[in-house]
Amino acid sequence: MQWITALPMYNVTPALAADWRALLTDVKARVTDWLDERADTLDIVDPGADLTTFWQRDDLLLSQTCGYPLVHALEGRVQLVATPNFDVPGCANGSYRSVIVAGKHTQATTLADCRGLRAIYNSDDSNSGMNLLRHAVAPLAREGRFFASVERSGGHLASLQALATDRSADVAAIDCVTFAYVREHVPELAEGVREIGVTASSPALPFIASKRVPQDGIERLAAALADSVRDHPALAQRLRLDGFVRPTRADYAPILDLERDAIAQGYPQLA
């Protein structure tokens, strides 16, 4: 079998992308014996723009997805390998949350102040940028509306750019890990926004594998990830990684609960 792998979710800068690739390279080396025993190969690839299709490939040995597609488009189509535990405020035991930020050109200091402002989010299948923000806004909405307008940016960096530089939007929810990376590596974007709140906590972005990967392969991958973090503390520190946890599919049910709660409050979509 010719397997592929890629980690597309937190490549905030070229340096961070190189570090995530270094983690994959080390994991690949640690599972080489397993691959050789099966006469298999593993290539680190560019996943392309259509991540949902990439994540569903039969030859996917390891990647990282968002929890929202895990419980929707990928339900029953992939296996959980492990979930990272980040050394970032808002993260603990494999969980994370989003930071709600407003552009400094606004006067908003709370989410309630954002009524009638322009929201922006990264993608429809994002837990951090869409689902968690929807849940936070739901109690404040009136007849299913809260914002003057809502636009999709395509990514958290693009959302921050719209707030901090272009001023074409006013408020967004940013994955707290992404925001920690931005504060360190792209400070000009962080300096252009004001933190006005945080969302509910949620299971963090899981590492996944194809349903075709046998159970012994899943165990080898999980061990390789944990060992890589342990044996490369400098790399782990740069990635803000504090190890991995081993969740079950049921551990991701809270993402659906947050969605159902917003819908029950009459707020099925950001508006």
Protein backbone atom coordinates (compact mmCIF):
# COMPACT_ATOMS: atom_id res chain seq x y z
CA MET A 1 0.00 0.00 0.00
CA GLN A 2 1.23 3.48 -0.84
CA TRP A 3 0.11 5.69 2.04
CA ILE A 4 0.05 9.47 2.24
CA THR A 5 0.16 11.96 5.12
CA ALA A 6 -0.18 15.72 5.65
CA LEU A 7 -0.88 18.10 8.53
CA PRO A 8 -2.77 21.06 7.03
CA MET A 9 -4.45 22.74 9.98
CA TYR A 10 -1.91 24.92 11.77
CA ASN A 11 0.53 26.07 9.08
CA VAL A 12 0.20 29.69 10.19
CA THR A 13 3.66 30.67 8.89
CA PRO A 14 6.25 28.93 6.70
CA ALA A 15 8.36 28.27 9.82
CA LEU A 16 5.47 26.56 11.59
CA ALA A 17 4.64 24.61 8.44
CA ALA A 18 8.24 23.37 8.40
CA ASP A 19 7.97 22.33 12.05
CA TRP A 20 4.76 20.38 11.45
CA ARG A 21 6.46 18.68 8.51
CA ALA A 22 9.42 17.87 10.78
CA LEU A 23 7.01 16.19 13.20
CA LEU A 24 5.58 14.12 10.34
CA THR A 25 9.07 13.21 9.14
CA ASP A 26 9.94 11.94 12.60
CA VAL A 27 6.69 9.98 12.87
CA LYS A 28 7.38 8.45 9.47
CA ALA A 29 10.80 7.29 10.66
CA ARG A 30 9.27 5.73 13.77
CA VAL A 31 6.78 3.64 11.77
CA THR A 32 9.23 2.60 9.06
CA ASP A 33 9.59 -0.93 10.48
CA TRP A 34 5.81 -1.36 10.43
CA LEU A 35 5.67 -0.10 6.85
CA ASP A 36 8.53 -2.37 5.77
CA GLU A 37 6.86 -5.41 7.32
CA ARG A 38 3.85 -4.74 5.11
CA ALA A 39 5.91 -3.71 2.05
CA ASP A 40 4.15 -0.33 2.29
CA THR A 41 5.40 3.19 1.64
CA LEU A 42 4.49 6.60 3.06
CA ASP A 43 4.75 9.98 1.34
CA ILE A 44 4.33 13.41 2.91
CA VAL A 45 2.17 15.32 0.43
CA ASP A 46 0.45 18.62 -0.25
CA PRO A 47 -3.23 17.96 0.56
CA GLY A 48 -4.54 20.66 -1.77
CA ALA A 49 -7.46 22.96 -1.12
CA ASP A 50 -10.24 20.35 -0.92
CA LEU A 51 -9.47 19.00 2.53
CA THR A 52 -12.76 17.12 2.94
CA THR A 53 -11.92 14.98 -0.08
CA PHE A 54 -8.34 14.55 1.09
CA TRP A 55 -9.41 13.37 4.55
CA GLN A 56 -11.65 10.70 2.98
CA ARG A 57 -8.93 9.11 0.87
CA ASP A 58 -8.48 5.38 1.41
CA ASP A 59 -4.69 5.78 1.38
CA LEU A 60 -4.57 8.38 4.17
CA LEU A 61 -2.33 7.08 6.95
CA LEU A 62 -2.32 10.23 9.09
CA SER A 63 -3.68 13.75 8.99
CA GLN A 64 -5.40 16.32 11.19
CA THR A 65 -8.95 17.52 10.75
CA CYS A 66 -11.38 19.78 12.59
CA GLY A 67 -13.88 18.32 15.04
CA TYR A 68 -16.86 19.67 13.08
CA PRO A 69 -16.21 17.66 9.90
CA LEU A 70 -15.29 14.70 12.10
CA VAL A 71 -18.89 14.52 13.37
CA HIS A 72 -20.44 15.45 10.01
CA ALA A 73 -18.79 14.79 6.63
CA LEU A 74 -16.27 12.32 8.06
CA GLU A 75 -18.65 10.47 10.36
CA GLY A 76 -17.99 6.75 9.99
CA ARG A 77 -15.38 7.38 7.29
CA VAL A 78 -12.17 7.82 9.32
CA GLN A 79 -10.52 6.53 12.49
CA LEU A 80 -9.33 8.59 15.44
CA VAL A 81 -5.62 8.29 16.18
CA ALA A 82 -4.93 10.91 18.87
CA THR A 83 -5.71 14.49 19.82
CA PRO A 84 -2.99 17.03 20.63
CA ASN A 85 -2.81 18.68 24.00
CA PHE A 86 -1.51 22.20 23.44
CA ASP A 87 0.35 24.37 25.92
CA VAL A 88 -1.89 27.32 25.12
CA PRO A 89 -4.36 29.25 27.31
CA GLY A 90 -7.80 27.72 26.72
CA CYS A 91 -6.42 24.22 26.10
CA ALA A 92 -6.39 21.33 28.58
CA ASN A 93 -6.63 17.55 28.27
CA GLY A 94 -7.19 17.61 24.53
CA SER A 95 -9.66 20.49 24.52
CA TYR A 96 -9.55 24.02 23.12
CA ARG A 97 -11.78 27.03 22.63
CA SER A 98 -11.92 30.10 20.42
CA VAL A 99 -10.95 33.64 21.26
CA ILE A 100 -13.58 36.17 20.20
CA VAL A 101 -11.86 39.24 18.79
CA ALA A 102 -13.03 42.58 17.46
CA GLY A 103 -11.09 44.96 15.27
CA LYS A 104 -9.58 47.86 17.21
CA HIS A 105 -11.40 50.21 14.86
CA THR A 106 -14.60 49.21 16.69
CA GLN A 107 -15.70 50.21 20.18
CA ALA A 108 -16.78 46.67 21.10
CA THR A 109 -15.48 45.29 24.38
CA THR A 110 -17.96 42.40 24.74
CA LEU A 111 -19.75 40.10 22.34
CA ALA A 112 -23.04 41.83 23.22
CA ASP A 113 -21.49 45.07 21.90
CA CYS A 114 -21.17 43.43 18.48
CA ARG A 115 -24.88 43.53 17.69
CA GLY A 116 -25.25 45.08 14.27
CA LEU A 117 -21.53 44.75 13.42
CA ARG A 118 -19.95 42.77 10.56
CA ALA A 119 -18.86 39.23 11.39
CA ILE A 120 -16.40 37.09 9.49
CA TYR A 121 -15.61 33.39 9.84
CA ASN A 122 -13.19 31.01 8.20
CA SER A 123 -15.40 28.21 6.80
CA ASP A 124 -18.81 26.58 7.07
CA ASP A 125 -17.33 23.36 8.46
CA SER A 126 -15.18 25.03 11.11
CA ASN A 127 -15.87 24.31 14.75
CA SER A 128 -13.68 27.16 15.99
CA GLY A 129 -14.69 29.88 13.55
CA MET A 130 -18.34 29.01 12.93
CA ASN A 131 -19.84 26.49 15.37
CA LEU A 132 -18.38 27.92 18.57
CA LEU A 133 -19.19 31.48 17.53
CA ARG A 134 -22.75 30.47 16.60
CA HIS A 135 -23.16 28.91 20.04
CA ALA A 136 -21.83 32.03 21.77
CA VAL A 137 -24.10 34.37 19.80
CA ALA A 138 -27.29 32.29 20.07
CA PRO A 139 -28.47 33.68 23.45
CA LEU A 140 -28.02 37.23 22.12
CA ALA A 141 -29.75 36.81 18.77
CA ARG A 142 -33.23 38.15 18.03
CA GLU A 143 -35.40 36.29 15.54
CA GLY A 144 -32.32 34.46 14.26
CA ARG A 145 -30.21 37.55 13.66
CA PHE A 146 -27.45 39.41 15.47
CA PHE A 147 -24.92 40.77 12.97
CA ALA A 148 -25.38 43.31 10.19
CA SER A 149 -23.58 40.97 7.81
CA VAL A 150 -21.64 37.70 7.86
CA GLU A 151 -18.89 36.78 5.40
CA ARG A 152 -16.71 33.71 4.90
CA SER A 153 -12.96 34.41 4.68
CA GLY A 154 -11.47 31.00 3.87
CA GLY A 155 -9.14 30.89 6.88
CA HIS A 156 -8.41 32.32 10.31
CA LEU A 157 -5.50 34.40 9.02
CA ALA A 158 -7.75 35.92 6.37
CA SER A 159 -10.33 36.71 9.05
CA LEU A 160 -7.71 38.47 11.17
CA GLN A 161 -6.49 40.35 8.11
CA ALA A 162 -10.03 41.57 7.49
CA LEU A 163 -10.29 42.81 11.09
CA ALA A 164 -6.83 44.16 11.73
CA THR A 165 -5.71 45.53 8.38
CA ASP A 166 -8.52 45.82 5.86
CA ARG A 167 -11.19 46.78 8.41
CA SER A 168 -13.70 45.08 6.12
CA ALA A 169 -15.14 43.14 9.08
CA ASP A 170 -15.52 43.77 12.79
CA VAL A 171 -15.64 40.53 14.78
CA ALA A 172 -14.54 36.88 14.50
CA ALA A 173 -13.86 33.77 16.58
CA ILE A 174 -10.31 32.49 16.20
CA ASP A 175 -9.04 29.07 17.30
CA CYS A 176 -7.01 29.77 20.46
CA VAL A 177 -4.04 27.74 19.15
CA THR A 178 -4.00 29.71 15.91
CA PHE A 179 -4.29 32.95 17.88
CA ALA A 180 -1.35 31.95 20.11
CA TYR A 181 0.72 31.28 16.99
CA VAL A 182 -0.34 34.62 15.52
CA ARG A 183 0.60 36.51 18.69
CA GLU A 184 4.08 34.99 18.50
CA HIS A 185 4.75 34.88 14.77
CA VAL A 186 2.48 37.52 13.18
CA PRO A 187 2.13 40.07 16.00
CA GLU A 188 0.94 42.84 13.71
CA LEU A 189 -2.31 40.95 13.17
CA ALA A 190 -2.81 40.31 16.88
CA GLU A 191 -2.11 43.95 17.68
CA GLY A 192 -4.89 45.04 15.33
CA VAL A 193 -7.62 43.24 17.28
CA ARG A 194 -9.06 43.33 20.79
CA GLU A 195 -9.94 40.17 22.73
CA ILE A 196 -13.54 40.53 23.87
CA GLY A 197 -14.36 37.04 25.08
CA VAL A 198 -13.93 33.30 24.70
CA THR A 199 -16.26 30.57 23.53
CA ALA A 200 -17.26 27.34 25.23
CA SER A 201 -14.62 24.63 25.45
CA SER A 202 -14.65 21.86 22.85
CA PRO A 203 -12.61 18.79 21.87
CA ALA A 204 -9.47 19.85 19.99
CA LEU A 205 -8.59 19.08 16.38
CA PRO A 206 -8.04 15.30 16.05
CA PHE A 207 -5.42 13.35 14.17
CA ILE A 208 -7.15 10.82 11.93
CA ALA A 209 -6.47 7.88 9.62
CA SER A 210 -8.31 6.05 6.88
CA LYS A 211 -10.65 3.24 7.83
CA ARG A 212 -8.26 0.98 5.90
CA VAL A 213 -5.46 1.45 8.44
CA PRO A 214 -5.34 -1.68 10.66
CA GLN A 215 -5.56 -1.33 14.43
CA ASP A 216 -1.88 -2.10 14.96
CA GLY A 217 -1.11 0.78 12.60
CA ILE A 218 -3.30 3.14 14.63
CA GLU A 219 -1.44 2.13 17.80
CA ARG A 220 1.95 2.60 16.15
CA LEU A 221 0.98 6.05 14.90
CA ALA A 222 -0.31 7.16 18.30
CA ALA A 223 2.87 5.95 19.98
CA ALA A 224 5.03 7.63 17.33
CA LEU A 225 3.30 10.98 17.87
CA ALA A 226 3.73 10.77 21.64
CA ASP A 227 7.35 9.68 21.36
CA SER A 228 8.17 12.46 18.89
CA VAL A 229 6.94 15.11 21.30
CA ARG A 230 8.81 13.50 24.19
CA ASP A 231 12.10 13.11 22.29
CA HIS A 232 12.11 16.52 20.58
CA PRO A 233 11.34 19.09 23.29
CA ALA A 234 12.54 22.06 21.25
CA LEU A 235 10.23 21.15 18.37
CA ALA A 236 7.37 20.50 20.79
CA GLN A 237 7.95 23.87 22.41
CA ARG A 238 7.85 25.68 19.07
CA LEU A 239 4.60 23.90 18.19
CA ARG A 240 3.24 24.49 21.72
CA LEU A 241 2.62 20.73 21.98
CA ASP A 242 2.33 19.17 25.42
CA GLY A 243 1.63 15.61 24.28
CA PHE A 244 -1.40 13.73 22.98
CA VAL A 245 -4.53 12.15 24.43
CA ARG A 246 -6.45 9.18 23.04
CA PRO A 247 -10.13 10.15 22.71
CA THR A 248 -13.06 8.05 21.62
CA ARG A 249 -15.63 9.10 19.04
CA ALA A 250 -18.05 9.78 21.90
CA ASP A 251 -15.65 12.39 23.28
CA TYR A 252 -16.49 14.55 20.24
CA ALA A 253 -20.25 14.52 20.91
CA PRO A 254 -20.07 17.94 22.66
CA ILE A 255 -19.52 19.55 19.25
CA LEU A 256 -22.95 18.31 18.17
CA ASP A 257 -24.40 19.38 21.51
CA LEU A 258 -23.19 22.95 20.93
CA GLU A 259 -24.73 22.92 17.47
CA ARG A 260 -28.06 21.57 18.74
CA ASP A 261 -28.13 24.14 21.54
CA ALA A 262 -27.75 27.04 19.11
CA ILE A 263 -30.45 25.62 16.82
CA ALA A 264 -32.79 25.09 19.78
CA GLN A 265 -32.38 28.77 20.62
CA GLY A 266 -33.52 29.72 17.12
CA TYR A 267 -30.08 30.49 15.75
CA PRO A 268 -29.24 27.78 13.17
CA GLN A 269 -26.67 29.83 11.29
CA LEU A 270 -24.49 32.89 11.75
CA ALA A 271 -26.61 35.85 10.78
